[in-house]
Amino acid sequence: MRIYVVILLQFMIWSGYTFIEWLSQHDQLIYKVMMFFVFFYLAFIIGNKVTQSLRKTFFITTFSLVVYSSIHYTMALFIH
Protein backbone atom coordinates (compact mmCIF):
# COMPACT_ATOMS: atom_id res chain seq x y z
CA MET A 1 0.00 0.00 0.00
CA ARG A 2 2.91 2.37 0.66
CA ILE A 3 4.14 1.95 -2.89
CA TYR A 4 0.80 3.09 -4.29
CA VAL A 5 0.83 6.14 -2.03
CA VAL A 6 4.35 7.03 -3.17
CA ILE A 7 3.44 6.62 -6.84
CA LEU A 8 0.37 8.84 -6.44
CA LEU A 9 2.38 11.50 -4.62
CA GLN A 10 5.07 11.39 -7.26
CA PHE A 11 2.52 11.70 -10.06
CA MET A 12 1.35 14.88 -8.34
CA ILE A 13 4.96 16.09 -8.20
CA TRP A 14 5.52 15.32 -11.89
CA SER A 15 2.27 17.10 -12.75
CA GLY A 16 3.50 20.12 -10.81
CA TYR A 17 6.78 19.96 -12.71
CA THR A 18 4.92 19.86 -16.03
CA PHE A 19 2.83 22.86 -15.01
CA ILE A 20 5.87 24.87 -13.88
CA GLU A 21 7.74 23.93 -17.05
CA TRP A 22 4.77 25.12 -19.11
CA LEU A 23 4.81 28.43 -17.23
CA SER A 24 8.52 28.88 -17.96
CA GLN A 25 8.44 28.23 -21.70
CA HIS A 26 10.97 30.94 -22.51
CA ASP A 27 13.57 30.01 -19.89
CA GLN A 28 16.96 28.67 -20.87
CA LEU A 29 17.53 24.92 -20.95
CA ILE A 30 19.96 24.98 -18.00
CA TYR A 31 17.25 26.37 -15.73
CA LYS A 32 14.79 23.71 -16.85
CA VAL A 33 17.36 20.99 -16.14
CA MET A 34 18.06 22.43 -12.70
CA MET A 35 14.32 22.60 -12.02
CA PHE A 36 13.96 18.95 -13.08
CA PHE A 37 16.63 17.88 -10.60
CA VAL A 38 14.92 19.87 -7.83
CA PHE A 39 11.63 18.10 -8.53
CA PHE A 40 13.38 14.72 -8.81
CA TYR A 41 15.06 15.31 -5.45
CA LEU A 42 11.73 16.33 -3.92
CA ALA A 43 10.04 13.20 -5.28
CA PHE A 44 12.91 11.06 -4.00
CA ILE A 45 12.87 12.56 -0.50
CA ILE A 46 9.09 12.20 -0.15
CA GLY A 47 9.26 8.63 -1.44
CA ASN A 48 12.06 7.79 0.97
CA LYS A 49 10.10 9.17 3.93
CA VAL A 50 7.20 6.85 3.12
CA THR A 51 9.04 3.67 2.10
CA GLN A 52 12.12 3.94 4.37
CA SER A 53 14.25 2.17 1.73
CA LEU A 54 16.66 3.89 -0.65
CA ARG A 55 16.62 1.09 -3.21
CA LYS A 56 12.82 0.89 -3.34
CA THR A 57 12.58 4.66 -3.47
CA PHE A 58 14.97 4.95 -6.39
CA PHE A 59 13.13 2.22 -8.30
CA ILE A 60 9.69 3.72 -7.60
CA THR A 61 10.82 7.25 -8.48
CA THR A 62 12.37 6.14 -11.75
CA PHE A 63 9.33 3.98 -12.56
CA SER A 64 6.85 6.78 -11.85
CA LEU A 65 8.91 9.21 -13.94
CA VAL A 66 9.01 6.82 -16.90
CA VAL A 67 5.30 6.05 -16.69
CA TYR A 68 4.33 9.71 -16.29
CA SER A 69 6.60 10.79 -19.15
CA SER A 70 5.29 8.12 -21.50
CA ILE A 71 1.67 9.03 -20.72
CA HIS A 72 2.43 12.74 -21.03
CA TYR A 73 4.15 12.48 -24.41
CA THR A 74 1.60 9.99 -25.76
CA MET A 75 -1.23 12.38 -24.91
CA ALA A 76 0.73 15.26 -26.44
CA LEU A 77 0.96 13.32 -29.72
CA PHE A 78 -2.78 12.70 -29.77
CA ILE A 79 -3.66 16.31 -28.95
CA HIS A 80 -1.43 17.82 -31.64
PDB file of N, CA and C in Angstrom:
ATOM      1  N   MET A   1       0.816  -1.193   0.000  1.00  0.00           N
ATOM      2  CA  MET A   1       0.000   0.000   0.000  1.00  0.00           C
ATOM      3  C   MET A   1       0.862   1.261   0.000  1.00  0.00           C
ATOM      4  N   ARG A   2       2.018   1.205   0.637  1.00  0.00           N
ATOM      5  CA  ARG A   2       2.912   2.367   0.664  1.00  0.00           C
ATOM      6  C   ARG A   2       3.415   2.715  -0.727  1.00  0.00           C
ATOM      7  N   ILE A   3       3.641   1.704  -1.534  1.00  0.00           N
ATOM      8  CA  ILE A   3       4.145   1.945  -2.885  1.00  0.00           C
ATOM      9  C   ILE A   3       3.115   2.724  -3.695  1.00  0.00           C
ATOM     10  N   TYR A   4       1.845   2.373  -3.560  1.00  0.00           N
ATOM     11  CA  TYR A   4       0.795   3.088  -4.293  1.00  0.00           C
ATOM     12  C   TYR A   4       0.705   4.542  -3.842  1.00  0.00           C
ATOM     13  N   VAL A   5       0.859   4.776  -2.553  1.00  0.00           N
ATOM     14  CA  VAL A   5       0.831   6.140  -2.034  1.00  0.00           C
ATOM     15  C   VAL A   5       1.993   6.944  -2.600  1.00  0.00           C
ATOM     16  N   VAL A   6       3.169   6.340  -2.634  1.00  0.00           N
ATOM     17  CA  VAL A   6       4.348   7.029  -3.168  1.00  0.00           C
ATOM     18  C   VAL A   6       4.160   7.337  -4.645  1.00  0.00           C
ATOM     19  N   ILE A   7       3.644   6.389  -5.408  1.00  0.00           N
ATOM     20  CA  ILE A   7       3.435   6.618  -6.839  1.00  0.00           C
ATOM     21  C   ILE A   7       2.427   7.738  -7.064  1.00  0.00           C
ATOM     22  N   LEU A   8       1.353   7.766  -6.298  1.00  0.00           N
ATOM     23  CA  LEU A   8       0.373   8.844  -6.440  1.00  0.00           C
ATOM     24  C   LEU A   8       0.967  10.204  -6.074  1.00  0.00           C
ATOM     25  N   LEU A   9       1.727  10.253  -4.995  1.00  0.00           N
ATOM     26  CA  LEU A   9       2.377  11.502  -4.617  1.00  0.00           C
ATOM     27  C   LEU A   9       3.365  11.963  -5.682  1.00  0.00           C
ATOM     28  N   GLN A  10       4.098  11.019  -6.240  1.00  0.00           N
ATOM     29  CA  GLN A  10       5.074  11.388  -7.259  1.00  0.00           C
ATOM     30  C   GLN A  10       4.400  11.808  -8.560  1.00  0.00           C
ATOM     31  N   PHE A  11       3.266  11.220  -8.894  1.00  0.00           N
ATOM     32  CA  PHE A  11       2.523  11.702 -10.062  1.00  0.00           C
ATOM     33  C   PHE A  11       2.078  13.143  -9.854  1.00  0.00           C
ATOM     34  N   MET A  12       1.708  13.489  -8.626  1.00  0.00           N
ATOM     35  CA  MET A  12       1.351  14.876  -8.339  1.00  0.00           C
ATOM     36  C   MET A  12       2.573  15.790  -8.494  1.00  0.00           C
ATOM     37  N   ILE A  13       3.730  15.308  -8.059  1.00  0.00           N
ATOM     38  CA  ILE A  13       4.955  16.093  -8.201  1.00  0.00           C
ATOM     39  C   ILE A  13       5.303  16.268  -9.669  1.00  0.00           C
ATOM     40  N   TRP A  14       5.209  15.204 -10.457  1.00  0.00           N
ATOM     41  CA  TRP A  14       5.520  15.316 -11.892  1.00  0.00           C
ATOM     42  C   TRP A  14       4.510  16.221 -12.599  1.00  0.00           C
ATOM     43  N   SER A  15       3.261  16.189 -12.170  1.00  0.00           N
ATOM     44  CA  SER A  15       2.268  17.097 -12.747  1.00  0.00           C
ATOM     45  C   SER A  15       2.614  18.542 -12.413  1.00  0.00           C
ATOM     46  N   GLY A  16       3.054  18.777 -11.197  1.00  0.00           N
ATOM     47  CA  GLY A  16       3.501  20.116 -10.815  1.00  0.00           C
ATOM     48  C   GLY A  16       4.700  20.554 -11.633  1.00  0.00           C
ATOM     49  N   TYR A  17       5.613  19.638 -11.877  1.00  0.00           N
ATOM     50  CA  TYR A  17       6.778  19.963 -12.713  1.00  0.00           C
ATOM     51  C   TYR A  17       6.343  20.330 -14.130  1.00  0.00           C
ATOM     52  N   THR A  18       5.409  19.572 -14.683  1.00  0.00           N
ATOM     53  CA  THR A  18       4.920  19.859 -16.026  1.00  0.00           C
ATOM     54  C   THR A  18       4.260  21.233 -16.085  1.00  0.00           C
ATOM     55  N   PHE A  19       3.488  21.563 -15.060  1.00  0.00           N
ATOM     56  CA  PHE A  19       2.830  22.863 -15.014  1.00  0.00           C
ATOM     57  C   PHE A  19       3.851  23.995 -14.907  1.00  0.00           C
ATOM     58  N   ILE A  20       4.833  23.840 -14.042  1.00  0.00           N
ATOM     59  CA  ILE A  20       5.866  24.866 -13.880  1.00  0.00           C
ATOM     60  C   ILE A  20       6.700  24.993 -15.159  1.00  0.00           C
ATOM     61  N   GLU A  21       6.986  23.879 -15.802  1.00  0.00           N
ATOM     62  CA  GLU A  21       7.739  23.927 -17.054  1.00  0.00           C
ATOM     63  C   GLU A  21       6.928  24.648 -18.137  1.00  0.00           C
ATOM     64  N   TRP A  22       5.627  24.428 -18.148  1.00  0.00           N
ATOM     65  CA  TRP A  22       4.772  25.122 -19.106  1.00  0.00           C
ATOM     66  C   TRP A  22       4.765  26.634 -18.840  1.00  0.00           C
ATOM     67  N   LEU A  23       4.778  27.009 -17.572  1.00  0.00           N
ATOM     68  CA  LEU A  23       4.809  28.430 -17.233  1.00  0.00           C
ATOM     69  C   LEU A  23       6.128  29.090 -17.626  1.00  0.00           C
ATOM     70  N   SER A  24       7.199  28.318 -17.644  1.00  0.00           N
ATOM     71  CA  SER A  24       8.520  28.879 -17.959  1.00  0.00           C
ATOM     72  C   SER A  24       8.972  28.450 -19.353  1.00  0.00           C
ATOM     73  N   GLN A  25       8.130  28.651 -20.332  1.00  0.00           N
ATOM     74  CA  GLN A  25       8.436  28.234 -21.701  1.00  0.00           C
ATOM     75  C   GLN A  25       9.665  28.927 -22.272  1.00  0.00           C
ATOM     76  N   HIS A  26       9.904  30.164 -21.896  1.00  0.00           N
ATOM     77  CA  HIS A  26      10.969  30.941 -22.510  1.00  0.00           C
ATOM     78  C   HIS A  26      12.270  30.931 -21.696  1.00  0.00           C
ATOM     79  N   ASP A  27      12.344  30.101 -20.676  1.00  0.00           N
ATOM     80  CA  ASP A  27      13.568  30.006 -19.891  1.00  0.00           C
ATOM     81  C   ASP A  27      14.624  29.221 -20.656  1.00  0.00           C
ATOM     82  N   GLN A  28      15.860  29.405 -20.248  1.00  0.00           N
ATOM     83  CA  GLN A  28      16.956  28.667 -20.869  1.00  0.00           C
ATOM     84  C   GLN A  28      16.919  27.212 -20.412  1.00  0.00           C
ATOM     85  N   LEU A  29      17.536  26.356 -21.213  1.00  0.00           N
ATOM     86  CA  LEU A  29      17.531  24.923 -20.949  1.00  0.00           C
ATOM     87  C   LEU A  29      18.189  24.586 -19.613  1.00  0.00           C
ATOM     88  N   ILE A  30      19.248  25.284 -19.252  1.00  0.00           N
ATOM     89  CA  ILE A  30      19.957  24.976 -18.000  1.00  0.00           C
ATOM     90  C   ILE A  30      19.042  25.155 -16.794  1.00  0.00           C
ATOM     91  N   TYR A  31      18.168  26.149 -16.838  1.00  0.00           N
ATOM     92  CA  TYR A  31      17.247  26.374 -15.727  1.00  0.00           C
ATOM     93  C   TYR A  31      16.170  25.288 -15.671  1.00  0.00           C
ATOM     94  N   LYS A  32      15.769  24.802 -16.830  1.00  0.00           N
ATOM     95  CA  LYS A  32      14.789  23.713 -16.850  1.00  0.00           C
ATOM     96  C   LYS A  32      15.404  22.417 -16.321  1.00  0.00           C
ATOM     97  N   VAL A  33      16.663  22.189 -16.644  1.00  0.00           N
ATOM     98  CA  VAL A  33      17.356  20.993 -16.144  1.00  0.00           C
ATOM     99  C   VAL A  33      17.527  21.075 -14.635  1.00  0.00           C
ATOM    100  N   MET A  34      17.920  22.256 -14.147  1.00  0.00           N
ATOM    101  CA  MET A  34      18.061  22.434 -12.702  1.00  0.00           C
ATOM    102  C   MET A  34      16.716  22.241 -11.999  1.00  0.00           C
ATOM    103  N   MET A  35      15.656  22.749 -12.594  1.00  0.00           N
ATOM    104  CA  MET A  35      14.322  22.598 -12.022  1.00  0.00           C
ATOM    105  C   MET A  35      13.912  21.120 -12.005  1.00  0.00           C
ATOM    106  N   PHE A  36      14.270  20.369 -13.057  1.00  0.00           N
ATOM    107  CA  PHE A  36      13.964  18.946 -13.079  1.00  0.00           C
ATOM    108  C   PHE A  36      14.645  18.224 -11.920  1.00  0.00           C
ATOM    109  N   PHE A  37      15.916  18.544 -11.687  1.00  0.00           N
ATOM    110  CA  PHE A  37      16.629  17.882 -10.596  1.00  0.00           C
ATOM    111  C   PHE A  37      16.066  18.259  -9.229  1.00  0.00           C
ATOM    112  N   VAL A  38      15.574  19.474  -9.090  1.00  0.00           N
ATOM    113  CA  VAL A  38      14.920  19.865  -7.827  1.00  0.00           C
ATOM    114  C   VAL A  38      13.654  19.036  -7.612  1.00  0.00           C
ATOM    115  N   PHE A  39      12.848  18.885  -8.650  1.00  0.00           N
ATOM    116  CA  PHE A  39      11.629  18.099  -8.527  1.00  0.00           C
ATOM    117  C   PHE A  39      11.934  16.615  -8.326  1.00  0.00           C
ATOM    118  N   PHE A  40      12.986  16.109  -9.001  1.00  0.00           N
ATOM    119  CA  PHE A  40      13.376  14.720  -8.808  1.00  0.00           C
ATOM    120  C   PHE A  40      13.823  14.486  -7.369  1.00  0.00           C
ATOM    121  N   TYR A  41      14.599  15.417  -6.839  1.00  0.00           N
ATOM    122  CA  TYR A  41      15.059  15.314  -5.454  1.00  0.00           C
ATOM    123  C   TYR A  41      13.874  15.357  -4.491  1.00  0.00           C
ATOM    124  N   LEU A  42      12.933  16.240  -4.756  1.00  0.00           N
ATOM    125  CA  LEU A  42      11.732  16.327  -3.923  1.00  0.00           C
ATOM    126  C   LEU A  42      10.939  15.027  -3.961  1.00  0.00           C
ATOM    127  N   ALA A  43      10.762  14.470  -5.143  1.00  0.00           N
ATOM    128  CA  ALA A  43      10.042  13.197  -5.277  1.00  0.00           C
ATOM    129  C   ALA A  43      10.787  12.079  -4.550  1.00  0.00           C
ATOM    130  N   PHE A  44      12.106  12.088  -4.646  1.00  0.00           N
ATOM    131  CA  PHE A  44      12.910  11.059  -3.996  1.00  0.00           C
ATOM    132  C   PHE A  44      12.824  11.170  -2.480  1.00  0.00           C
ATOM    133  N   ILE A  45      12.913  12.373  -1.954  1.00  0.00           N
ATOM    134  CA  ILE A  45      12.866  12.564  -0.500  1.00  0.00           C
ATOM    135  C   ILE A  45      11.502  12.160   0.056  1.00  0.00           C
ATOM    136  N   ILE A  46      10.438  12.573  -0.613  1.00  0.00           N
ATOM    137  CA  ILE A  46       9.092  12.201  -0.147  1.00  0.00           C
ATOM    138  C   ILE A  46       8.902  10.692  -0.226  1.00  0.00           C
ATOM    139  N   GLY A  47       9.363  10.091  -1.314  1.00  0.00           N
ATOM    140  CA  GLY A  47       9.257   8.634  -1.440  1.00  0.00           C
ATOM    141  C   GLY A  47      10.055   7.904  -0.381  1.00  0.00           C
ATOM    142  N   ASN A  48      11.222   8.436  -0.040  1.00  0.00           N
ATOM    143  CA  ASN A  48      12.056   7.794   0.975  1.00  0.00           C
ATOM    144  C   ASN A  48      11.436   7.915   2.366  1.00  0.00           C
ATOM    145  N   LYS A  49      10.761   9.012   2.626  1.00  0.00           N
ATOM    146  CA  LYS A  49      10.099   9.169   3.933  1.00  0.00           C
ATOM    147  C   LYS A  49       8.992   8.141   4.112  1.00  0.00           C
ATOM    148  N   VAL A  50       8.315   7.798   3.025  1.00  0.00           N
ATOM    149  CA  VAL A  50       7.202   6.848   3.120  1.00  0.00           C
ATOM    150  C   VAL A  50       7.697   5.406   3.125  1.00  0.00           C
ATOM    151  N   THR A  51       8.630   5.065   2.225  1.00  0.00           N
ATOM    152  CA  THR A  51       9.041   3.667   2.098  1.00  0.00           C
ATOM    153  C   THR A  51      10.166   3.264   3.045  1.00  0.00           C
ATOM    154  N   GLN A  52      10.992   4.206   3.475  1.00  0.00           N
ATOM    155  CA  GLN A  52      12.119   3.935   4.372  1.00  0.00           C
ATOM    156  C   GLN A  52      13.162   3.003   3.755  1.00  0.00           C
ATOM    157  N   SER A  53      13.261   2.996   2.407  1.00  0.00           N
ATOM    158  CA  SER A  53      14.248   2.166   1.729  1.00  0.00           C
ATOM    159  C   SER A  53      14.769   2.926   0.513  1.00  0.00           C
ATOM    160  N   LEU A  54      16.081   3.132   0.455  1.00  0.00           N
ATOM    161  CA  LEU A  54      16.663   3.886  -0.654  1.00  0.00           C
ATOM    162  C   LEU A  54      16.509   3.162  -1.986  1.00  0.00           C
ATOM    163  N   ARG A  55      16.707   1.857  -1.977  1.00  0.00           N
ATOM    164  CA  ARG A  55      16.618   1.086  -3.210  1.00  0.00           C
ATOM    165  C   ARG A  55      15.203   1.084  -3.768  1.00  0.00           C
ATOM    166  N   LYS A  56      14.220   0.851  -2.903  1.00  0.00           N
ATOM    167  CA  LYS A  56      12.820   0.887  -3.337  1.00  0.00           C
ATOM    168  C   LYS A  56      12.445   2.279  -3.827  1.00  0.00           C
ATOM    169  N   THR A  57      12.909   3.281  -3.104  1.00  0.00           N
ATOM    170  CA  THR A  57      12.576   4.660  -3.469  1.00  0.00           C
ATOM    171  C   THR A  57      13.139   5.013  -4.835  1.00  0.00           C
ATOM    172  N   PHE A  58      14.378   4.644  -5.090  1.00  0.00           N
ATOM    173  CA  PHE A  58      14.973   4.952  -6.392  1.00  0.00           C
ATOM    174  C   PHE A  58      14.216   4.240  -7.509  1.00  0.00           C
ATOM    175  N   PHE A  59      13.869   2.972  -7.292  1.00  0.00           N
ATOM    176  CA  PHE A  59      13.126   2.221  -8.304  1.00  0.00           C
ATOM    177  C   PHE A  59      11.753   2.831  -8.540  1.00  0.00           C
ATOM    178  N   ILE A  60      11.035   3.159  -7.474  1.00  0.00           N
ATOM    179  CA  ILE A  60       9.690   3.721  -7.599  1.00  0.00           C
ATOM    180  C   ILE A  60       9.736   5.091  -8.265  1.00  0.00           C
ATOM    181  N   THR A  61      10.700   5.916  -7.891  1.00  0.00           N
ATOM    182  CA  THR A  61      10.821   7.253  -8.479  1.00  0.00           C
ATOM    183  C   THR A  61      11.126   7.163  -9.966  1.00  0.00           C
ATOM    184  N   THR A  62      12.046   6.310 -10.334  1.00  0.00           N
ATOM    185  CA  THR A  62      12.371   6.135 -11.746  1.00  0.00           C
ATOM    186  C   THR A  62      11.179   5.565 -12.508  1.00  0.00           C
ATOM    187  N   PHE A  63      10.502   4.588 -11.925  1.00  0.00           N
ATOM    188  CA  PHE A  63       9.331   3.981 -12.556  1.00  0.00           C
ATOM    189  C   PHE A  63       8.222   5.004 -12.753  1.00  0.00           C
ATOM    190  N   SER A  64       7.931   5.801 -11.723  1.00  0.00           N
ATOM    191  CA  SER A  64       6.851   6.780 -11.849  1.00  0.00           C
ATOM    192  C   SER A  64       7.203   7.853 -12.872  1.00  0.00           C
ATOM    193  N   LEU A  65       8.482   8.231 -12.950  1.00  0.00           N
ATOM    194  CA  LEU A  65       8.906   9.213 -13.939  1.00  0.00           C
ATOM    195  C   LEU A  65       8.751   8.671 -15.356  1.00  0.00           C
ATOM    196  N   VAL A  66       9.136   7.424 -15.569  1.00  0.00           N
ATOM    197  CA  VAL A  66       9.014   6.817 -16.898  1.00  0.00           C
ATOM    198  C   VAL A  66       7.548   6.681 -17.296  1.00  0.00           C
ATOM    199  N   VAL A  67       6.717   6.218 -16.381  1.00  0.00           N
ATOM    200  CA  VAL A  67       5.298   6.053 -16.686  1.00  0.00           C
ATOM    201  C   VAL A  67       4.642   7.409 -16.953  1.00  0.00           C
ATOM    202  N   TYR A  68       4.923   8.393 -16.103  1.00  0.00           N
ATOM    203  CA  TYR A  68       4.326   9.707 -16.294  1.00  0.00           C
ATOM    204  C   TYR A  68       4.795  10.337 -17.610  1.00  0.00           C
ATOM    205  N   SER A  69       6.075  10.214 -17.913  1.00  0.00           N
ATOM    206  CA  SER A  69       6.599  10.792 -19.152  1.00  0.00           C
ATOM    207  C   SER A  69       5.990  10.124 -20.381  1.00  0.00           C
ATOM    208  N   SER A  70       5.864   8.812 -20.346  1.00  0.00           N
ATOM    209  CA  SER A  70       5.289   8.118 -21.499  1.00  0.00           C
ATOM    210  C   SER A  70       3.821   8.493 -21.689  1.00  0.00           C
ATOM    211  N   ILE A  71       3.070   8.606 -20.609  1.00  0.00           N
ATOM    212  CA  ILE A  71       1.672   9.028 -20.718  1.00  0.00           C
ATOM    213  C   ILE A  71       1.595  10.470 -21.206  1.00  0.00           C
ATOM    214  N   HIS A  72       2.432  11.322 -20.660  1.00  0.00           N
ATOM    215  CA  HIS A  72       2.431  12.743 -21.029  1.00  0.00           C
ATOM    216  C   HIS A  72       2.737  12.927 -22.517  1.00  0.00           C
ATOM    217  N   TYR A  73       3.775  12.297 -23.015  1.00  0.00           N
ATOM    218  CA  TYR A  73       4.154  12.476 -24.413  1.00  0.00           C
ATOM    219  C   TYR A  73       3.201  11.759 -25.363  1.00  0.00           C
ATOM    220  N   THR A  74       2.600  10.655 -24.938  1.00  0.00           N
ATOM    221  CA  THR A  74       1.597   9.987 -25.759  1.00  0.00           C
ATOM    222  C   THR A  74       0.370  10.871 -25.920  1.00  0.00           C
ATOM    223  N   MET A  75      -0.080  11.476 -24.838  1.00  0.00           N
ATOM    224  CA  MET A  75      -1.231  12.377 -24.913  1.00  0.00           C
ATOM    225  C   MET A  75      -0.901  13.629 -25.728  1.00  0.00           C
ATOM    226  N   ALA A  76       0.331  14.098 -25.652  1.00  0.00           N
ATOM    227  CA  ALA A  76       0.734  15.264 -26.438  1.00  0.00           C
ATOM    228  C   ALA A  76       0.695  14.950 -27.924  1.00  0.00           C
ATOM    229  N   LEU A  77       1.036  13.720 -28.303  1.00  0.00           N
ATOM    230  CA  LEU A  77       0.963  13.325 -29.720  1.00  0.00           C
ATOM    231  C   LEU A  77      -0.478  13.273 -30.205  1.00  0.00           C
ATOM    232  N   PHE A  78      -1.384  12.787 -29.369  1.00  0.00           N
ATOM    233  CA  PHE A  78      -2.782  12.705 -29.770  1.00  0.00           C
ATOM    234  C   PHE A  78      -3.449  14.065 -29.840  1.00  0.00           C
ATOM    235  N   ILE A  79      -3.039  14.987 -28.983  1.00  0.00           N
ATOM    236  CA  ILE A  79      -3.656  16.308 -28.949  1.00  0.00           C
ATOM    237  C   ILE A  79      -3.196  17.134 -30.155  1.00  0.00           C
ATOM    238  N   HIS A  80      -1.926  17.048 -30.503  1.00  0.00           N
ATOM    239  CA  HIS A  80      -1.425  17.820 -31.638  1.00  0.00           C
ATOM    240  C   HIS A  80      -1.608  17.021 -32.854  1.00  0.00           C
TER     241      HIS A  80
END
